[in-house]
Structures are given as structure tokens and as C-alpha cells.
PDB file of N, CA and C in Angstrom:
ATOM      1  N   UNK A   1      32.805  -2.499  23.134  1.00  0.00           N
ATOM      2  CA  UNK A   1      31.475  -2.076  23.550  1.00  0.00           C
ATOM      3  C   UNK A   1      30.844  -1.147  22.511  1.00  0.00           C
ATOM      4  N   UNK A   2      31.652  -0.242  21.969  1.00  0.00           N
ATOM      5  CA  UNK A   2      31.130   0.688  20.959  1.00  0.00           C
ATOM      6  C   UNK A   2      30.703  -0.053  19.699  1.00  0.00           C
ATOM      7  N   UNK A   3      31.463  -1.061  19.329  1.00  0.00           N
ATOM      8  CA  UNK A   3      31.125  -1.822  18.132  1.00  0.00           C
ATOM      9  C   UNK A   3      29.807  -2.566  18.342  1.00  0.00           C
ATOM     10  N   UNK A   4      29.633  -3.158  19.502  1.00  0.00           N
ATOM     11  CA  UNK A   4      28.397  -3.866  19.813  1.00  0.00           C
ATOM     12  C   UNK A   4      27.198  -2.914  19.782  1.00  0.00           C
ATOM     13  N   UNK A   5      27.359  -1.729  20.338  1.00  0.00           N
ATOM     14  CA  UNK A   5      26.290  -0.729  20.334  1.00  0.00           C
ATOM     15  C   UNK A   5      25.962  -0.296  18.906  1.00  0.00           C
ATOM     16  N   UNK A   6      26.986  -0.103  18.088  1.00  0.00           N
ATOM     17  CA  UNK A   6      26.764   0.306  16.699  1.00  0.00           C
ATOM     18  C   UNK A   6      26.034  -0.787  15.924  1.00  0.00           C
ATOM     19  N   UNK A   7      26.437  -2.026  16.122  1.00  0.00           N
ATOM     20  CA  UNK A   7      25.779  -3.141  15.439  1.00  0.00           C
ATOM     21  C   UNK A   7      24.325  -3.244  15.870  1.00  0.00           C
ATOM     22  N   UNK A   8      24.074  -3.100  17.151  1.00  0.00           N
ATOM     23  CA  UNK A   8      22.708  -3.156  17.667  1.00  0.00           C
ATOM     24  C   UNK A   8      21.858  -2.032  17.083  1.00  0.00           C
ATOM     25  N   UNK A   9      22.401  -0.836  17.006  1.00  0.00           N
ATOM     26  CA  UNK A   9      21.671   0.308  16.436  1.00  0.00           C
ATOM     27  C   UNK A   9      21.335   0.073  14.970  1.00  0.00           C
ATOM     28  N   UNK A  10      22.266  -0.493  14.216  1.00  0.00           N
ATOM     29  CA  UNK A  10      22.033  -0.777  12.799  1.00  0.00           C
ATOM     30  C   UNK A  10      20.947  -1.834  12.650  1.00  0.00           C
ATOM     31  N   UNK A  11      20.984  -2.859  13.476  1.00  0.00           N
ATOM     32  CA  UNK A  11      19.975  -3.917  13.411  1.00  0.00           C
ATOM     33  C   UNK A  11      18.583  -3.367  13.709  1.00  0.00           C
ATOM     34  N   UNK A  12      18.474  -2.506  14.697  1.00  0.00           N
ATOM     35  CA  UNK A  12      17.183  -1.897  15.039  1.00  0.00           C
ATOM     36  C   UNK A  12      16.679  -1.034  13.885  1.00  0.00           C
ATOM     37  N   UNK A  13      17.576  -0.263  13.275  1.00  0.00           N
ATOM     38  CA  UNK A  13      17.194   0.592  12.147  1.00  0.00           C
ATOM     39  C   UNK A  13      16.684  -0.245  10.976  1.00  0.00           C
ATOM     40  N   UNK A  14      17.341  -1.354  10.685  1.00  0.00           N
ATOM     41  CA  UNK A  14      16.934  -2.212   9.573  1.00  0.00           C
ATOM     42  C   UNK A  14      15.551  -2.810   9.834  1.00  0.00           C
ATOM     43  N   UNK A  15      15.287  -3.211  11.059  1.00  0.00           N
ATOM     44  CA  UNK A  15      13.996  -3.802  11.404  1.00  0.00           C
ATOM     45  C   UNK A  15      12.859  -2.804  11.224  1.00  0.00           C
ATOM     46  N   UNK A  16      13.085  -1.550  11.577  1.00  0.00           N
ATOM     47  CA  UNK A  16      12.007  -0.566  11.553  1.00  0.00           C
ATOM     48  C   UNK A  16      11.925   0.250  10.277  1.00  0.00           C
ATOM     49  N   UNK A  17      12.861   0.128   9.350  1.00  0.00           N
ATOM     50  CA  UNK A  17      12.808   0.925   8.130  1.00  0.00           C
ATOM     51  C   UNK A  17      11.586   0.558   7.289  1.00  0.00           C
ATOM     52  N   UNK A  18      11.178  -0.699   7.258  1.00  0.00           N
ATOM     53  CA  UNK A  18       9.982  -1.098   6.507  1.00  0.00           C
ATOM     54  C   UNK A  18       8.738  -0.449   7.054  1.00  0.00           C
ATOM     55  N   UNK A  19       8.630  -0.337   8.364  1.00  0.00           N
ATOM     56  CA  UNK A  19       7.468   0.294   8.980  1.00  0.00           C
ATOM     57  C   UNK A  19       7.390   1.762   8.619  1.00  0.00           C
ATOM     58  N   UNK A  20       8.524   2.391   8.497  1.00  0.00           N
ATOM     59  CA  UNK A  20       8.542   3.820   8.189  1.00  0.00           C
ATOM     60  C   UNK A  20       8.048   4.095   6.778  1.00  0.00           C
ATOM     61  N   UNK A  21       8.157   3.113   5.881  1.00  0.00           N
ATOM     62  CA  UNK A  21       7.752   3.326   4.504  1.00  0.00           C
ATOM     63  C   UNK A  21       6.278   3.014   4.284  1.00  0.00           C
ATOM     64  N   UNK A  22       5.642   2.311   5.180  1.00  0.00           N
ATOM     65  CA  UNK A  22       4.217   1.998   5.044  1.00  0.00           C
ATOM     66  C   UNK A  22       3.389   3.234   5.351  1.00  0.00           C
ATOM     67  N   UNK A  23       2.137   3.245   4.913  1.00  0.00           N
ATOM     68  CA  UNK A  23       1.248   4.382   5.147  1.00  0.00           C
ATOM     69  C   UNK A  23       0.370   4.051   6.355  1.00  0.00           C
ATOM     70  N   UNK A  24       0.656   4.673   7.494  1.00  0.00           N
ATOM     71  CA  UNK A  24      -0.118   4.371   8.697  1.00  0.00           C
ATOM     72  C   UNK A  24      -1.498   5.035   8.661  1.00  0.00           C
ATOM     73  N   UNK A  25      -2.401   4.586   9.535  1.00  0.00           N
ATOM     74  CA  UNK A  25      -3.716   5.231   9.623  1.00  0.00           C
ATOM     75  C   UNK A  25      -3.566   6.734   9.841  1.00  0.00           C
ATOM     76  N   UNK A  26      -4.366   7.505   9.134  1.00  0.00           N
ATOM     77  CA  UNK A  26      -4.304   8.958   9.265  1.00  0.00           C
ATOM     78  C   UNK A  26      -3.388   9.614   8.250  1.00  0.00           C
ATOM     79  N   UNK A  27      -2.669   8.821   7.480  1.00  0.00           N
ATOM     80  CA  UNK A  27      -1.755   9.346   6.461  1.00  0.00           C
ATOM     81  C   UNK A  27      -2.196   8.862   5.092  1.00  0.00           C
ATOM     82  N   UNK A  28      -1.745   9.548   4.067  1.00  0.00           N
ATOM     83  CA  UNK A  28      -2.039   9.127   2.696  1.00  0.00           C
ATOM     84  C   UNK A  28      -0.751   9.044   1.901  1.00  0.00           C
ATOM     85  N   UNK A  29      -0.798   8.300   0.824  1.00  0.00           N
ATOM     86  CA  UNK A  29       0.303   8.244  -0.139  1.00  0.00           C
ATOM     87  C   UNK A  29      -0.298   8.527  -1.504  1.00  0.00           C
ATOM     88  N   UNK A  30       0.429   9.275  -2.306  1.00  0.00           N
ATOM     89  CA  UNK A  30      -0.033   9.610  -3.652  1.00  0.00           C
ATOM     90  C   UNK A  30       0.842   8.911  -4.678  1.00  0.00           C
ATOM     91  N   UNK A  31       0.190   8.385  -5.712  1.00  0.00           N
ATOM     92  CA  UNK A  31       0.889   7.711  -6.791  1.00  0.00           C
ATOM     93  C   UNK A  31       0.414   8.287  -8.116  1.00  0.00           C
ATOM     94  N   UNK A  32       1.305   8.340  -9.100  1.00  0.00           N
ATOM     95  CA  UNK A  32       0.949   8.817 -10.426  1.00  0.00           C
ATOM     96  C   UNK A  32      -0.122   7.895 -10.983  1.00  0.00           C
ATOM     97  N   UNK A  33      -1.196   8.463 -11.517  1.00  0.00           N
ATOM     98  CA  UNK A  33      -2.320   7.637 -11.934  1.00  0.00           C
ATOM     99  C   UNK A  33      -2.769   7.792 -13.364  1.00  0.00           C
ATOM    100  N   UNK A  34      -2.036   8.442 -14.209  1.00  0.00           N
ATOM    101  CA  UNK A  34      -2.408   8.552 -15.620  1.00  0.00           C
ATOM    102  C   UNK A  34      -3.575   9.480 -15.873  1.00  0.00           C
ATOM    103  N   UNK A  35      -4.380   9.161 -16.901  1.00  0.00           N
ATOM    104  CA  UNK A  35      -5.467  10.026 -17.374  1.00  0.00           C
ATOM    105  C   UNK A  35      -6.560  10.232 -16.333  1.00  0.00           C
ATOM    106  N   UNK A  36      -6.758   9.265 -15.453  1.00  0.00           N
ATOM    107  CA  UNK A  36      -7.821   9.389 -14.453  1.00  0.00           C
ATOM    108  C   UNK A  36      -7.398  10.211 -13.242  1.00  0.00           C
ATOM    109  N   UNK A  37      -6.155  10.609 -13.189  1.00  0.00           N
ATOM    110  CA  UNK A  37      -5.658  11.388 -12.065  1.00  0.00           C
ATOM    111  C   UNK A  37      -4.852  10.535 -11.109  1.00  0.00           C
ATOM    112  N   UNK A  38      -4.193  11.209 -10.182  1.00  0.00           N
ATOM    113  CA  UNK A  38      -3.338  10.499  -9.223  1.00  0.00           C
ATOM    114  C   UNK A  38      -4.158   9.552  -8.355  1.00  0.00           C
ATOM    115  N   UNK A  39      -3.502   8.558  -7.831  1.00  0.00           N
ATOM    116  CA  UNK A  39      -4.146   7.585  -6.955  1.00  0.00           C
ATOM    117  C   UNK A  39      -3.766   7.925  -5.522  1.00  0.00           C
ATOM    118  N   UNK A  40      -4.764   8.022  -4.681  1.00  0.00           N
ATOM    119  CA  UNK A  40      -4.544   8.331  -3.264  1.00  0.00           C
ATOM    120  C   UNK A  40      -4.810   7.064  -2.456  1.00  0.00           C
ATOM    121  N   UNK A  41      -3.796   6.624  -1.717  1.00  0.00           N
ATOM    122  CA  UNK A  41      -3.979   5.509  -0.793  1.00  0.00           C
ATOM    123  C   UNK A  41      -4.117   6.096   0.601  1.00  0.00           C
ATOM    124  N   UNK A  42      -5.210   5.783   1.276  1.00  0.00           N
ATOM    125  CA  UNK A  42      -5.489   6.299   2.612  1.00  0.00           C
ATOM    126  C   UNK A  42      -5.373   5.175   3.634  1.00  0.00           C
ATOM    127  N   UNK A  43      -4.369   5.256   4.503  1.00  0.00           N
ATOM    128  CA  UNK A  43      -4.170   4.249   5.532  1.00  0.00           C
ATOM    129  C   UNK A  43      -5.351   4.155   6.485  1.00  0.00           C
ATOM    130  N   UNK A  44      -6.006   5.277   6.783  1.00  0.00           N
ATOM    131  CA  UNK A  44      -7.134   5.289   7.718  1.00  0.00           C
ATOM    132  C   UNK A  44      -8.332   4.522   7.163  1.00  0.00           C
ATOM    133  N   UNK A  45      -8.613   4.709   5.884  1.00  0.00           N
ATOM    134  CA  UNK A  45      -9.739   4.008   5.266  1.00  0.00           C
ATOM    135  C   UNK A  45      -9.582   2.499   5.418  1.00  0.00           C
ATOM    136  N   UNK A  46      -8.384   2.026   5.197  1.00  0.00           N
ATOM    137  CA  UNK A  46      -8.133   0.588   5.313  1.00  0.00           C
ATOM    138  C   UNK A  46      -8.135   0.144   6.777  1.00  0.00           C
ATOM    139  N   UNK A  47      -7.587   0.944   7.667  1.00  0.00           N
ATOM    140  CA  UNK A  47      -7.584   0.611   9.105  1.00  0.00           C
ATOM    141  C   UNK A  47      -9.017   0.575   9.650  1.00  0.00           C
ATOM    142  N   UNK A  48      -9.854   1.489   9.177  1.00  0.00           N
ATOM    143  CA  UNK A  48     -11.257   1.518   9.621  1.00  0.00           C
ATOM    144  C   UNK A  48     -12.011   0.247   9.225  1.00  0.00           C
ATOM    145  N   UNK A  49     -11.521  -0.444   8.215  1.00  0.00           N
ATOM    146  CA  UNK A  49     -12.125  -1.712   7.785  1.00  0.00           C
ATOM    147  C   UNK A  49     -11.536  -2.890   8.564  1.00  0.00           C
ATOM    148  N   UNK A  50     -10.660  -2.587   9.528  1.00  0.00           N
ATOM    149  CA  UNK A  50     -10.081  -3.630  10.365  1.00  0.00           C
ATOM    150  C   UNK A  50      -8.771  -4.208   9.849  1.00  0.00           C
ATOM    151  N   UNK A  51      -8.213  -3.589   8.824  1.00  0.00           N
ATOM    152  CA  UNK A  51      -6.959  -4.093   8.261  1.00  0.00           C
ATOM    153  C   UNK A  51      -5.755  -3.537   9.000  1.00  0.00           C
ATOM    154  N   UNK A  52      -4.738  -4.332   9.076  1.00  0.00           N
ATOM    155  CA  UNK A  52      -3.450  -3.934   9.654  1.00  0.00           C
ATOM    156  C   UNK A  52      -2.442  -3.872   8.511  1.00  0.00           C
ATOM    157  N   UNK A  53      -1.376  -3.135   8.697  1.00  0.00           N
ATOM    158  CA  UNK A  53      -0.349  -2.999   7.654  1.00  0.00           C
ATOM    159  C   UNK A  53       0.128  -4.358   7.157  1.00  0.00           C
ATOM    160  N   UNK A  54       0.323  -5.298   8.099  1.00  0.00           N
ATOM    161  CA  UNK A  54       0.847  -6.615   7.735  1.00  0.00           C
ATOM    162  C   UNK A  54      -0.143  -7.462   6.933  1.00  0.00           C
ATOM    163  N   UNK A  55      -1.396  -7.052   6.835  1.00  0.00           N
ATOM    164  CA  UNK A  55      -2.348  -7.789   5.993  1.00  0.00           C
ATOM    165  C   UNK A  55      -1.954  -7.686   4.518  1.00  0.00           C
ATOM    166  N   UNK A  56      -1.356  -6.575   4.147  1.00  0.00           N
ATOM    167  CA  UNK A  56      -0.912  -6.388   2.755  1.00  0.00           C
ATOM    168  C   UNK A  56       0.611  -6.464   2.632  1.00  0.00           C
ATOM    169  N   UNK A  57       1.293  -5.911   3.592  1.00  0.00           N
ATOM    170  CA  UNK A  57       2.766  -5.928   3.588  1.00  0.00           C
ATOM    171  C   UNK A  57       3.228  -7.034   4.502  1.00  0.00           C
ATOM    172  N   UNK A  58       3.884  -7.970   4.111  1.00  0.00           N
ATOM    173  CA  UNK A  58       4.591  -8.282   2.893  1.00  0.00           C
ATOM    174  C   UNK A  58       3.906  -9.392   2.104  1.00  0.00           C
ATOM    175  N   UNK A  59       2.678  -9.674   2.399  1.00  0.00           N
ATOM    176  CA  UNK A  59       1.950 -10.733   1.697  1.00  0.00           C
ATOM    177  C   UNK A  59       1.629 -10.355   0.246  1.00  0.00           C
ATOM    178  N   UNK A  60       1.164  -9.130   0.035  1.00  0.00           N
ATOM    179  CA  UNK A  60       0.795  -8.678  -1.309  1.00  0.00           C
ATOM    180  C   UNK A  60       1.857  -7.721  -1.848  1.00  0.00           C
ATOM    181  N   UNK A  61       2.258  -6.780  -1.020  1.00  0.00           N
ATOM    182  CA  UNK A  61       3.256  -5.777  -1.400  1.00  0.00           C
ATOM    183  C   UNK A  61       4.504  -5.956  -0.557  1.00  0.00           C
ATOM    184  N   UNK A  62       5.663  -5.852  -1.185  1.00  0.00           N
ATOM    185  CA  UNK A  62       6.910  -5.847  -0.435  1.00  0.00           C
ATOM    186  C   UNK A  62       7.050  -4.477   0.224  1.00  0.00           C
ATOM    187  N   UNK A  63       7.919  -4.370   1.199  1.00  0.00           N
ATOM    188  CA  UNK A  63       8.131  -3.095   1.883  1.00  0.00           C
ATOM    189  C   UNK A  63       9.098  -2.231   1.076  1.00  0.00           C
ATOM    190  N   UNK A  64       8.677  -1.891  -0.128  1.00  0.00           N
ATOM    191  CA  UNK A  64       9.456  -1.008  -0.986  1.00  0.00           C
ATOM    192  C   UNK A  64       8.508  -0.368  -1.979  1.00  0.00           C
ATOM    193  N   UNK A  65       8.957   0.694  -2.605  1.00  0.00           N
ATOM    194  CA  UNK A  65       8.123   1.331  -3.605  1.00  0.00           C
ATOM    195  C   UNK A  65       7.989   0.421  -4.810  1.00  0.00           C
ATOM    196  N   UNK A  66       6.785   0.305  -5.318  1.00  0.00           N
ATOM    197  CA  UNK A  66       6.516  -0.520  -6.483  1.00  0.00           C
ATOM    198  C   UNK A  66       6.734   0.335  -7.720  1.00  0.00           C
ATOM    199  N   UNK A  67       7.422  -0.215  -8.696  1.00  0.00           N
ATOM    200  CA  UNK A  67       7.732   0.545  -9.905  1.00  0.00           C
ATOM    201  C   UNK A  67       6.465   0.983 -10.630  1.00  0.00           C
ATOM    202  N   UNK A  68       5.538   0.057 -10.826  1.00  0.00           N
ATOM    203  CA  UNK A  68       4.325   0.409 -11.562  1.00  0.00           C
ATOM    204  C   UNK A  68       3.228  -0.600 -11.249  1.00  0.00           C
ATOM    205  N   UNK A  69       2.079  -0.093 -10.916  1.00  0.00           N
ATOM    206  CA  UNK A  69       0.891  -0.927 -10.736  1.00  0.00           C
ATOM    207  C   UNK A  69      -0.075  -0.510 -11.827  1.00  0.00           C
ATOM    208  N   UNK A  70      -0.509  -1.468 -12.628  1.00  0.00           N
ATOM    209  CA  UNK A  70      -1.408  -1.145 -13.734  1.00  0.00           C
ATOM    210  C   UNK A  70      -2.816  -1.638 -13.431  1.00  0.00           C
ATOM    211  N   UNK A  71      -3.793  -1.018 -14.068  1.00  0.00           N
ATOM    212  CA  UNK A  71      -5.173  -1.464 -13.918  1.00  0.00           C
ATOM    213  C   UNK A  71      -5.329  -2.881 -14.471  1.00  0.00           C
ATOM    214  N   UNK A  72      -4.604  -3.200 -15.522  1.00  0.00           N
ATOM    215  CA  UNK A  72      -4.685  -4.554 -16.085  1.00  0.00           C
ATOM    216  C   UNK A  72      -4.247  -5.585 -15.044  1.00  0.00           C
ATOM    217  N   UNK A  73      -3.163  -5.282 -14.322  1.00  0.00           N
ATOM    218  CA  UNK A  73      -2.714  -6.191 -13.265  1.00  0.00           C
ATOM    219  C   UNK A  73      -3.741  -6.287 -12.145  1.00  0.00           C
ATOM    220  N   UNK A  74      -4.278  -5.128 -11.745  1.00  0.00           N
ATOM    221  CA  UNK A  74      -5.272  -5.131 -10.670  1.00  0.00           C
ATOM    222  C   UNK A  74      -6.514  -5.923 -11.079  1.00  0.00           C
ATOM    223  N   UNK A  75      -6.972  -5.728 -12.295  1.00  0.00           N
ATOM    224  CA  UNK A  75      -8.164  -6.440 -12.773  1.00  0.00           C
ATOM    225  C   UNK A  75      -7.912  -7.942 -12.922  1.00  0.00           C
ATOM    226  N   UNK A  76      -6.631  -8.315 -12.989  1.00  0.00           N
ATOM    227  CA  UNK A  76      -6.252  -9.733 -13.051  1.00  0.00           C
ATOM    228  C   UNK A  76      -6.034 -10.307 -11.650  1.00  0.00           C
ATOM    229  N   UNK A  77      -6.322  -9.506 -10.625  1.00  0.00           N
ATOM    230  CA  UNK A  77      -6.210  -9.984  -9.250  1.00  0.00           C
ATOM    231  C   UNK A  77      -4.850  -9.802  -8.613  1.00  0.00           C
ATOM    232  N   UNK A  78      -4.016  -8.963  -9.213  1.00  0.00           N
ATOM    233  CA  UNK A  78      -2.696  -8.700  -8.651  1.00  0.00           C
ATOM    234  C   UNK A  78      -2.713  -7.369  -7.904  1.00  0.00           C
ATOM    235  N   UNK A  79      -1.739  -7.178  -7.030  1.00  0.00           N
ATOM    236  CA  UNK A  79      -1.587  -5.941  -6.258  1.00  0.00           C
ATOM    237  C   UNK A  79      -2.890  -5.606  -5.524  1.00  0.00           C
ATOM    238  N   UNK A  80      -3.404  -4.404  -5.665  1.00  0.00           N
ATOM    239  CA  UNK A  80      -4.637  -3.982  -4.991  1.00  0.00           C
ATOM    240  C   UNK A  80      -5.810  -4.873  -5.384  1.00  0.00           C
ATOM    241  N   UNK A  81      -5.773  -5.397  -6.606  1.00  0.00           N
ATOM    242  CA  UNK A  81      -6.838  -6.233  -7.124  1.00  0.00           C
ATOM    243  C   UNK A  81      -7.000  -7.554  -6.392  1.00  0.00           C
ATOM    244  N   UNK A  82      -6.020  -7.921  -5.572  1.00  0.00           N
ATOM    245  CA  UNK A  82      -6.160  -9.142  -4.792  1.00  0.00           C
ATOM    246  C   UNK A  82      -7.341  -9.038  -3.830  1.00  0.00           C
ATOM    247  N   UNK A  83      -7.577  -7.852  -3.297  1.00  0.00           N
ATOM    248  CA  UNK A  83      -8.742  -7.629  -2.419  1.00  0.00           C
ATOM    249  C   UNK A  83      -9.858  -6.879  -3.143  1.00  0.00           C
ATOM    250  N   UNK A  84      -9.494  -5.946  -4.014  1.00  0.00           N
ATOM    251  CA  UNK A  84     -10.492  -5.142  -4.726  1.00  0.00           C
ATOM    252  C   UNK A  84     -10.985  -5.919  -5.944  1.00  0.00           C
ATOM    253  N   UNK A  85     -11.706  -7.011  -5.643  1.00  0.00           N
ATOM    254  CA  UNK A  85     -12.165  -7.942  -6.669  1.00  0.00           C
ATOM    255  C   UNK A  85     -13.686  -8.065  -6.713  1.00  0.00           C
ATOM    256  N   UNK A  86     -14.376  -7.243  -5.927  1.00  0.00           N
ATOM    257  CA  UNK A  86     -15.835  -7.308  -5.882  1.00  0.00           C
ATOM    258  C   UNK A  86     -16.359  -8.250  -4.821  1.00  0.00           C
ATOM    259  N   UNK A  87     -15.470  -9.032  -4.206  1.00  0.00           N
ATOM    260  CA  UNK A  87     -15.868  -9.954  -3.149  1.00  0.00           C
ATOM    261  C   UNK A  87     -15.412  -9.420  -1.789  1.00  0.00           C
ATOM    262  N   UNK A  88     -14.121  -9.192  -1.656  1.00  0.00           N
ATOM    263  CA  UNK A  88     -13.577  -8.665  -0.399  1.00  0.00           C
ATOM    264  C   UNK A  88     -13.832  -7.159  -0.278  1.00  0.00           C
ATOM    265  N   UNK A  89     -13.633  -6.446  -1.367  1.00  0.00           N
ATOM    266  CA  UNK A  89     -13.783  -4.985  -1.397  1.00  0.00           C
ATOM    267  C   UNK A  89     -14.324  -4.604  -2.774  1.00  0.00           C
ATOM    268  N   UNK A  90     -14.648  -3.312  -2.939  1.00  0.00           N
ATOM    269  CA  UNK A  90     -15.213  -2.887  -4.223  1.00  0.00           C
ATOM    270  C   UNK A  90     -14.319  -3.326  -5.386  1.00  0.00           C
ATOM    271  N   UNK A  91     -14.944  -3.592  -6.518  1.00  0.00           N
ATOM    272  CA  UNK A  91     -14.239  -4.123  -7.680  1.00  0.00           C
ATOM    273  C   UNK A  91     -13.513  -3.013  -8.427  1.00  0.00           C
ATOM    274  N   UNK A  92     -12.205  -3.183  -8.609  1.00  0.00           N
ATOM    275  CA  UNK A  92     -11.396  -2.157  -9.266  1.00  0.00           C
ATOM    276  C   UNK A  92     -11.760  -1.968 -10.733  1.00  0.00           C
ATOM    277  N   UNK A  93     -12.320  -2.979 -11.372  1.00  0.00           N
ATOM    278  CA  UNK A  93     -12.646  -2.864 -12.800  1.00  0.00           C
ATOM    279  C   UNK A  93     -13.998  -2.220 -13.061  1.00  0.00           C
ATOM    280  N   UNK A  94     -14.771  -1.945 -12.019  1.00  0.00           N
ATOM    281  CA  UNK A  94     -16.076  -1.299 -12.163  1.00  0.00           C
ATOM    282  C   UNK A  94     -15.872   0.211 -12.290  1.00  0.00           C
ATOM    283  N   UNK A  95     -16.246   0.780 -13.429  1.00  0.00           N
ATOM    284  CA  UNK A  95     -16.024   2.207 -13.696  1.00  0.00           C
ATOM    285  C   UNK A  95     -16.651   3.118 -12.638  1.00  0.00           C
ATOM    286  N   UNK A  96     -17.686   2.665 -11.981  1.00  0.00           N
ATOM    287  CA  UNK A  96     -18.336   3.476 -10.948  1.00  0.00           C
ATOM    288  C   UNK A  96     -17.431   3.671  -9.730  1.00  0.00           C
ATOM    289  N   UNK A  97     -16.378   2.870  -9.610  1.00  0.00           N
ATOM    290  CA  UNK A  97     -15.486   2.956  -8.456  1.00  0.00           C
ATOM    291  C   UNK A  97     -14.202   3.740  -8.705  1.00  0.00           C
ATOM    292  N   UNK A  98     -13.981   4.208  -9.910  1.00  0.00           N
ATOM    293  CA  UNK A  98     -12.715   4.884 -10.257  1.00  0.00           C
ATOM    294  C   UNK A  98     -12.385   6.028  -9.286  1.00  0.00           C
ATOM    295  N   UNK A  99     -13.372   6.867  -9.000  1.00  0.00           N
ATOM    296  CA  UNK A  99     -13.133   8.056  -8.163  1.00  0.00           C
ATOM    297  C   UNK A  99     -12.834   7.718  -6.711  1.00  0.00           C
ATOM    298  N   UNK A 100     -13.003   6.474  -6.302  1.00  0.00           N
ATOM    299  CA  UNK A 100     -12.664   6.096  -4.932  1.00  0.00           C
ATOM    300  C   UNK A 100     -11.162   6.120  -4.709  1.00  0.00           C
ATOM    301  N   UNK A 101     -10.388   5.940  -5.779  1.00  0.00           N
ATOM    302  CA  UNK A 101      -8.926   5.962  -5.670  1.00  0.00           C
ATOM    303  C   UNK A 101      -8.290   7.074  -6.490  1.00  0.00           C
ATOM    304  N   UNK A 102      -8.841   7.323  -7.683  1.00  0.00           N
ATOM    305  CA  UNK A 102      -8.258   8.315  -8.586  1.00  0.00           C
ATOM    306  C   UNK A 102      -8.842   9.706  -8.298  1.00  0.00           C
ATOM    307  N   UNK A 103      -7.959  10.686  -8.161  1.00  0.00           N
ATOM    308  CA  UNK A 103      -8.363  12.068  -7.912  1.00  0.00           C
ATOM    309  C   UNK A 103      -7.715  12.968  -8.943  1.00  0.00           C
ATOM    310  N   UNK A 104      -8.516  13.815  -9.560  1.00  0.00           N
ATOM    311  CA  UNK A 104      -8.001  14.771 -10.561  1.00  0.00           C
ATOM    312  C   UNK A 104      -7.312  15.924  -9.881  1.00  0.00           C
TER     313      UNK A 104
END
């Protein structure tokens, strides 16, 4: 019985560990952003637009920390750039939008 309970507890923990790493509405995550300043991801801003965590995770982003996201990749339509392309959301390559994500 104890072994079954332990296995069940481990399975539940594995299922929910991905959710714990995502940024829920009302929370932010900070990423190193180079010369333009750190990048702030705001879960609330995206939730207010009607997005759910699963819209990006695991379709665009895996449930793990990404080693490096570059502006070149984003401007090529990868990572955040999949939506921030000027059609779905503001265009990441437009210099007027830099301060929406980058903070000094």
C-alpha cells in the first residue's frame, strides 16, 4: 500500500511540475536581455488578451527554461516571434515596440 501511495504521489508531482514553471496571470518572469535591458514576461498581459498557458506551452515553448532566445530568432518567427509578427500581436522587429518587453 505504501509503495502504491508513493508511486501515485510521484506521478501527481510529475504532472504538475510543468504548471509550476509557467508564469500564471498576475506574475512576471525576468530574462536577461542584453543592451536593451532585461525582458519582462507578464502572464496577466497575455491572459487579458484571452490566452491560456497551453496556447504557448507546449506548442511554442517546452515546459522548461529556454537557454537563449534571440531577436534574430524572434524576427524569423520563432519563439515569441511566432505571435509577435505584426499580425497576431505587435511586431517584435519594430523598434517602437522594444520597451514593451525590454526594461532598463
